Amino acid sequence: MTTHNVNSAGAPVAACDSEEMTACEVCLAEVPVSVAEGFEGPDYVHHFCGLNCLEMWRAKLKDKQP
């Protein structure tokens, strides 16, 4: 992946024509779909840049449940 720019969080942003990108549900970093960690929910798939963000998202979800 060739990067030329970074987003406001400092994460690299790939050229649009290189491969399909998605944003991390937690930190909003753009990552290629091919390497994103995923969690399939009942209605759609959540994408995460790594396991740390996935665990933070799960912890927040657990805190919201009664």
PDB file of N, CA and C in Angstrom:
ATOM      1  N   MET A   1       0.855  -1.179   0.000  1.00  0.00           N
ATOM      2  CA  MET A   1       0.000   0.000   0.000  1.00  0.00           C
ATOM      3  C   MET A   1       0.896   1.235   0.000  1.00  0.00           C
ATOM      4  N   THR A   2       0.723   2.062  -0.980  1.00  0.00           N
ATOM      5  CA  THR A   2       1.487   3.295  -1.070  1.00  0.00           C
ATOM      6  C   THR A   2       0.673   4.416  -0.445  1.00  0.00           C
ATOM      7  N   THR A   3       1.276   5.136   0.493  1.00  0.00           N
ATOM      8  CA  THR A   3       0.561   6.227   1.148  1.00  0.00           C
ATOM      9  C   THR A   3       1.188   7.551   0.753  1.00  0.00           C
ATOM     10  N   HIS A   4       0.344   8.539   0.575  1.00  0.00           N
ATOM     11  CA  HIS A   4       0.819   9.876   0.222  1.00  0.00           C
ATOM     12  C   HIS A   4       0.325  10.906   1.224  1.00  0.00           C
ATOM     13  N   ASN A   5      -0.722  10.580   1.934  1.00  0.00           N
ATOM     14  CA  ASN A   5      -1.348  11.528   2.852  1.00  0.00           C
ATOM     15  C   ASN A   5      -1.663  10.840   4.171  1.00  0.00           C
ATOM     16  N   VAL A   6      -1.942  11.651   5.173  1.00  0.00           N
ATOM     17  CA  VAL A   6      -2.399  11.126   6.460  1.00  0.00           C
ATOM     18  C   VAL A   6      -3.680  11.859   6.845  1.00  0.00           C
ATOM     19  N   ASN A   7      -4.541  11.197   7.617  1.00  0.00           N
ATOM     20  CA  ASN A   7      -5.764  11.855   8.064  1.00  0.00           C
ATOM     21  C   ASN A   7      -5.480  12.679   9.312  1.00  0.00           C
ATOM     22  N   SER A   8      -6.516  13.283   9.883  1.00  0.00           N
ATOM     23  CA  SER A   8      -6.325  14.173  11.027  1.00  0.00           C
ATOM     24  C   SER A   8      -5.781  13.454  12.260  1.00  0.00           C
ATOM     25  N   ALA A   9      -5.958  12.136  12.338  1.00  0.00           N
ATOM     26  CA  ALA A   9      -5.432  11.357  13.455  1.00  0.00           C
ATOM     27  C   ALA A   9      -4.004  10.892  13.199  1.00  0.00           C
ATOM     28  N   GLY A  10      -3.479  11.176  12.007  1.00  0.00           N
ATOM     29  CA  GLY A  10      -2.121  10.780  11.669  1.00  0.00           C
ATOM     30  C   GLY A  10      -2.030   9.419  11.007  1.00  0.00           C
ATOM     31  N   ALA A  11      -3.178   8.767  10.773  1.00  0.00           N
ATOM     32  CA  ALA A  11      -3.180   7.451  10.128  1.00  0.00           C
ATOM     33  C   ALA A  11      -2.969   7.626   8.623  1.00  0.00           C
ATOM     34  N   PRO A  12      -2.209   6.719   8.005  1.00  0.00           N
ATOM     35  CA  PRO A  12      -1.982   6.834   6.566  1.00  0.00           C
ATOM     36  C   PRO A  12      -3.268   6.616   5.779  1.00  0.00           C
ATOM     37  N   VAL A  13      -3.402   7.340   4.690  1.00  0.00           N
ATOM     38  CA  VAL A  13      -4.553   7.225   3.805  1.00  0.00           C
ATOM     39  C   VAL A  13      -4.037   6.766   2.454  1.00  0.00           C
ATOM     40  N   ALA A  14      -4.542   5.631   1.967  1.00  0.00           N
ATOM     41  CA  ALA A  14      -4.094   5.079   0.695  1.00  0.00           C
ATOM     42  C   ALA A  14      -4.848   5.725  -0.457  1.00  0.00           C
ATOM     43  N   ALA A  15      -4.278   5.605  -1.635  1.00  0.00           N
ATOM     44  CA  ALA A  15      -4.949   6.099  -2.834  1.00  0.00           C
ATOM     45  C   ALA A  15      -6.234   5.301  -3.041  1.00  0.00           C
ATOM     46  N   CYS A  16      -7.263   5.960  -3.507  1.00  0.00           N
ATOM     47  CA  CYS A  16      -8.575   5.321  -3.667  1.00  0.00           C
ATOM     48  C   CYS A  16      -8.550   4.155  -4.637  1.00  0.00           C
ATOM     49  N   ASP A  17      -7.684   4.195  -5.627  1.00  0.00           N
ATOM     50  CA  ASP A  17      -7.677   3.146  -6.636  1.00  0.00           C
ATOM     51  C   ASP A  17      -6.855   1.927  -6.236  1.00  0.00           C
ATOM     52  N   SER A  18      -6.179   1.950  -5.094  1.00  0.00           N
ATOM     53  CA  SER A  18      -5.309   0.834  -4.731  1.00  0.00           C
ATOM     54  C   SER A  18      -6.081  -0.362  -4.185  1.00  0.00           C
ATOM     55  N   GLU A  19      -6.996  -0.174  -3.265  1.00  0.00           N
ATOM     56  CA  GLU A  19      -7.846  -1.239  -2.754  1.00  0.00           C
ATOM     57  C   GLU A  19      -8.961  -0.654  -1.894  1.00  0.00           C
ATOM     58  N   GLU A  20      -9.973  -1.470  -1.629  1.00  0.00           N
ATOM     59  CA  GLU A  20     -11.119  -0.992  -0.859  1.00  0.00           C
ATOM     60  C   GLU A  20     -10.709  -0.691   0.577  1.00  0.00           C
ATOM     61  N   MET A  21     -11.117   0.480   1.070  1.00  0.00           N
ATOM     62  CA  MET A  21     -10.770   0.917   2.412  1.00  0.00           C
ATOM     63  C   MET A  21     -12.027   1.001   3.269  1.00  0.00           C
ATOM     64  N   THR A  22     -11.827   0.940   4.585  1.00  0.00           N
ATOM     65  CA  THR A  22     -12.905   1.116   5.541  1.00  0.00           C
ATOM     66  C   THR A  22     -12.361   1.885   6.728  1.00  0.00           C
ATOM     67  N   ALA A  23     -13.234   2.461   7.527  1.00  0.00           N
ATOM     68  CA  ALA A  23     -12.805   3.210   8.711  1.00  0.00           C
ATOM     69  C   ALA A  23     -12.987   2.355   9.948  1.00  0.00           C
ATOM     70  N   CYS A  24     -12.036   2.415  10.858  1.00  0.00           N
ATOM     71  CA  CYS A  24     -12.127   1.724  12.136  1.00  0.00           C
ATOM     72  C   CYS A  24     -13.307   2.300  12.918  1.00  0.00           C
ATOM     73  N   GLU A  25     -14.104   1.443  13.551  1.00  0.00           N
ATOM     74  CA  GLU A  25     -15.277   1.878  14.322  1.00  0.00           C
ATOM     75  C   GLU A  25     -14.886   2.725  15.543  1.00  0.00           C
ATOM     76  N   VAL A  26     -13.660   2.562  16.050  1.00  0.00           N
ATOM     77  CA  VAL A  26     -13.246   3.242  17.281  1.00  0.00           C
ATOM     78  C   VAL A  26     -12.427   4.496  16.998  1.00  0.00           C
ATOM     79  N   CYS A  27     -11.299   4.343  16.298  1.00  0.00           N
ATOM     80  CA  CYS A  27     -10.387   5.475  16.106  1.00  0.00           C
ATOM     81  C   CYS A  27     -10.546   6.152  14.753  1.00  0.00           C
ATOM     82  N   LEU A  28     -11.374   5.605  13.876  1.00  0.00           N
ATOM     83  CA  LEU A  28     -11.684   6.140  12.554  1.00  0.00           C
ATOM     84  C   LEU A  28     -10.509   6.128  11.585  1.00  0.00           C
ATOM     85  N   ALA A  29      -9.429   5.406  11.915  1.00  0.00           N
ATOM     86  CA  ALA A  29      -8.309   5.268  10.986  1.00  0.00           C
ATOM     87  C   ALA A  29      -8.783   4.483   9.774  1.00  0.00           C
ATOM     88  N   GLU A  30      -8.347   4.869   8.582  1.00  0.00           N
ATOM     89  CA  GLU A  30      -8.704   4.141   7.381  1.00  0.00           C
ATOM     90  C   GLU A  30      -7.750   2.972   7.211  1.00  0.00           C
ATOM     91  N   VAL A  31      -8.318   1.782   7.025  1.00  0.00           N
ATOM     92  CA  VAL A  31      -7.529   0.570   6.858  1.00  0.00           C
ATOM     93  C   VAL A  31      -8.081  -0.211   5.665  1.00  0.00           C
ATOM     94  N   PRO A  32      -7.230  -0.966   4.976  1.00  0.00           N
ATOM     95  CA  PRO A  32      -7.721  -1.811   3.889  1.00  0.00           C
ATOM     96  C   PRO A  32      -8.666  -2.881   4.444  1.00  0.00           C
ATOM     97  N   VAL A  33      -9.742  -3.143   3.731  1.00  0.00           N
ATOM     98  CA  VAL A  33     -10.701  -4.165   4.161  1.00  0.00           C
ATOM     99  C   VAL A  33     -10.005  -5.514   4.302  1.00  0.00           C
ATOM    100  N   SER A  34      -9.020  -5.770   3.475  1.00  0.00           N
ATOM    101  CA  SER A  34      -8.342  -7.071   3.486  1.00  0.00           C
ATOM    102  C   SER A  34      -7.594  -7.343   4.785  1.00  0.00           C
ATOM    103  N   VAL A  35      -7.234  -6.318   5.555  1.00  0.00           N
ATOM    104  CA  VAL A  35      -6.498  -6.528   6.804  1.00  0.00           C
ATOM    105  C   VAL A  35      -7.267  -6.083   8.037  1.00  0.00           C
ATOM    106  N   ALA A  36      -8.468  -5.539   7.843  1.00  0.00           N
ATOM    107  CA  ALA A  36      -9.260  -5.063   8.979  1.00  0.00           C
ATOM    108  C   ALA A  36      -9.775  -6.241   9.798  1.00  0.00           C
ATOM    109  N   GLU A  37      -9.782  -6.058  11.115  1.00  0.00           N
ATOM    110  CA  GLU A  37     -10.406  -7.039  11.994  1.00  0.00           C
ATOM    111  C   GLU A  37     -11.906  -6.818  11.900  1.00  0.00           C
ATOM    112  N   GLY A  38     -12.678  -7.864  11.855  1.00  0.00           N
ATOM    113  CA  GLY A  38     -14.115  -7.701  11.693  1.00  0.00           C
ATOM    114  C   GLY A  38     -14.911  -8.357  12.803  1.00  0.00           C
ATOM    115  N   PHE A  39     -16.105  -7.836  13.024  1.00  0.00           N
ATOM    116  CA  PHE A  39     -17.065  -8.408  13.953  1.00  0.00           C
ATOM    117  C   PHE A  39     -18.416  -8.335  13.272  1.00  0.00           C
ATOM    118  N   GLU A  40     -19.006  -9.485  12.997  1.00  0.00           N
ATOM    119  CA  GLU A  40     -20.284  -9.513  12.309  1.00  0.00           C
ATOM    120  C   GLU A  40     -21.419  -9.376  13.305  1.00  0.00           C
ATOM    121  N   GLY A  41     -22.125  -8.263  13.214  1.00  0.00           N
ATOM    122  CA  GLY A  41     -23.283  -8.024  14.056  1.00  0.00           C
ATOM    123  C   GLY A  41     -24.527  -8.565  13.376  1.00  0.00           C
ATOM    124  N   PRO A  42     -25.678  -8.377  14.004  1.00  0.00           N
ATOM    125  CA  PRO A  42     -26.910  -8.922  13.430  1.00  0.00           C
ATOM    126  C   PRO A  42     -27.310  -8.250  12.113  1.00  0.00           C
ATOM    127  N   ASP A  43     -26.934  -7.002  11.901  1.00  0.00           N
ATOM    128  CA  ASP A  43     -27.369  -6.292  10.706  1.00  0.00           C
ATOM    129  C   ASP A  43     -26.241  -5.908   9.751  1.00  0.00           C
ATOM    130  N   TYR A  44     -25.029  -5.800  10.239  1.00  0.00           N
ATOM    131  CA  TYR A  44     -23.919  -5.394   9.378  1.00  0.00           C
ATOM    132  C   TYR A  44     -22.592  -5.760  10.031  1.00  0.00           C
ATOM    133  N   VAL A  45     -21.495  -5.526   9.319  1.00  0.00           N
ATOM    134  CA  VAL A  45     -20.146  -5.860   9.797  1.00  0.00           C
ATOM    135  C   VAL A  45     -19.458  -4.605  10.300  1.00  0.00           C
ATOM    136  N   HIS A  46     -18.890  -4.672  11.486  1.00  0.00           N
ATOM    137  CA  HIS A  46     -18.078  -3.583  12.035  1.00  0.00           C
ATOM    138  C   HIS A  46     -16.623  -3.873  11.659  1.00  0.00           C
ATOM    139  N   HIS A  47     -15.860  -2.831  11.359  1.00  0.00           N
ATOM    140  CA  HIS A  47     -14.441  -3.000  11.021  1.00  0.00           C
ATOM    141  C   HIS A  47     -13.576  -2.258  12.028  1.00  0.00           C
ATOM    142  N   PHE A  48     -12.429  -2.849  12.351  1.00  0.00           N
ATOM    143  CA  PHE A  48     -11.498  -2.285  13.325  1.00  0.00           C
ATOM    144  C   PHE A  48     -10.088  -2.365  12.772  1.00  0.00           C
ATOM    145  N   CYS A  49      -9.258  -1.381  13.108  1.00  0.00           N
ATOM    146  CA  CYS A  49      -7.892  -1.356  12.595  1.00  0.00           C
ATOM    147  C   CYS A  49      -7.018  -2.410  13.265  1.00  0.00           C
ATOM    148  N   GLY A  50      -7.418  -2.885  14.423  1.00  0.00           N
ATOM    149  CA  GLY A  50      -6.649  -3.909  15.120  1.00  0.00           C
ATOM    150  C   GLY A  50      -7.404  -4.437  16.318  1.00  0.00           C
ATOM    151  N   LEU A  51      -6.771  -5.369  16.992  1.00  0.00           N
ATOM    152  CA  LEU A  51      -7.428  -6.011  18.127  1.00  0.00           C
ATOM    153  C   LEU A  51      -7.642  -5.073  19.306  1.00  0.00           C
ATOM    154  N   ASN A  52      -6.765  -4.080  19.482  1.00  0.00           N
ATOM    155  CA  ASN A  52      -6.950  -3.127  20.586  1.00  0.00           C
ATOM    156  C   ASN A  52      -8.249  -2.348  20.436  1.00  0.00           C
ATOM    157  N   CYS A  53      -8.511  -1.852  19.235  1.00  0.00           N
ATOM    158  CA  CYS A  53      -9.747  -1.104  19.007  1.00  0.00           C
ATOM    159  C   CYS A  53     -10.964  -2.028  19.107  1.00  0.00           C
ATOM    160  N   LEU A  54     -10.844  -3.253  18.643  1.00  0.00           N
ATOM    161  CA  LEU A  54     -11.938  -4.212  18.770  1.00  0.00           C
ATOM    162  C   LEU A  54     -12.275  -4.452  20.233  1.00  0.00           C
ATOM    163  N   GLU A  55     -11.278  -4.622  21.076  1.00  0.00           N
ATOM    164  CA  GLU A  55     -11.515  -4.847  22.507  1.00  0.00           C
ATOM    165  C   GLU A  55     -12.112  -3.610  23.182  1.00  0.00           C
ATOM    166  N   MET A  56     -11.665  -2.412  22.799  1.00  0.00           N
ATOM    167  CA  MET A  56     -12.247  -1.189  23.363  1.00  0.00           C
ATOM    168  C   MET A  56     -13.715  -1.080  22.978  1.00  0.00           C
ATOM    169  N   TRP A  57     -14.045  -1.416  21.724  1.00  0.00           N
ATOM    170  CA  TRP A  57     -15.431  -1.360  21.262  1.00  0.00           C
ATOM    171  C   TRP A  57     -16.286  -2.367  22.034  1.00  0.00           C
ATOM    172  N   ARG A  58     -15.769  -3.584  22.210  1.00  0.00           N
ATOM    173  CA  ARG A  58     -16.519  -4.601  22.973  1.00  0.00           C
ATOM    174  C   ARG A  58     -16.743  -4.175  24.412  1.00  0.00           C
ATOM    175  N   ALA A  59     -15.747  -3.538  25.033  1.00  0.00           N
ATOM    176  CA  ALA A  59     -15.887  -3.082  26.421  1.00  0.00           C
ATOM    177  C   ALA A  59     -16.962  -1.999  26.527  1.00  0.00           C
ATOM    178  N   LYS A  60     -16.984  -1.063  25.571  1.00  0.00           N
ATOM    179  CA  LYS A  60     -18.019  -0.024  25.581  1.00  0.00           C
ATOM    180  C   LYS A  60     -19.400  -0.618  25.373  1.00  0.00           C
ATOM    181  N   LEU A  61     -19.492  -1.601  24.488  1.00  0.00           N
ATOM    182  CA  LEU A  61     -20.768  -2.268  24.231  1.00  0.00           C
ATOM    183  C   LEU A  61     -21.263  -3.001  25.486  1.00  0.00           C
ATOM    184  N   LYS A  62     -20.343  -3.666  26.168  1.00  0.00           N
ATOM    185  CA  LYS A  62     -20.691  -4.391  27.394  1.00  0.00           C
ATOM    186  C   LYS A  62     -21.165  -3.432  28.481  1.00  0.00           C
ATOM    187  N   ASP A  63     -20.532  -2.255  28.591  1.00  0.00           N
ATOM    188  CA  ASP A  63     -20.921  -1.258  29.589  1.00  0.00           C
ATOM    189  C   ASP A  63     -22.318  -0.702  29.332  1.00  0.00           C
ATOM    190  N   LYS A  64     -22.744  -0.676  28.065  1.00  0.00           N
ATOM    191  CA  LYS A  64     -24.065  -0.120  27.722  1.00  0.00           C
ATOM    192  C   LYS A  64     -25.195  -1.091  27.991  1.00  0.00           C
ATOM    193  N   GLN A  65     -24.894  -2.391  28.080  1.00  0.00           N
ATOM    194  CA  GLN A  65     -25.945  -3.377  28.316  1.00  0.00           C
ATOM    195  C   GLN A  65     -26.396  -3.345  29.756  1.00  0.00           C
ATOM    196  N   PRO A  66     -27.728  -3.508  29.986  1.00  0.00           N
ATOM    197  CA  PRO A  66     -28.262  -3.439  31.364  1.00  0.00           C
ATOM    198  C   PRO A  66     -27.816  -4.597  32.232  1.00  0.00           C
TER     199      PRO A  66
END
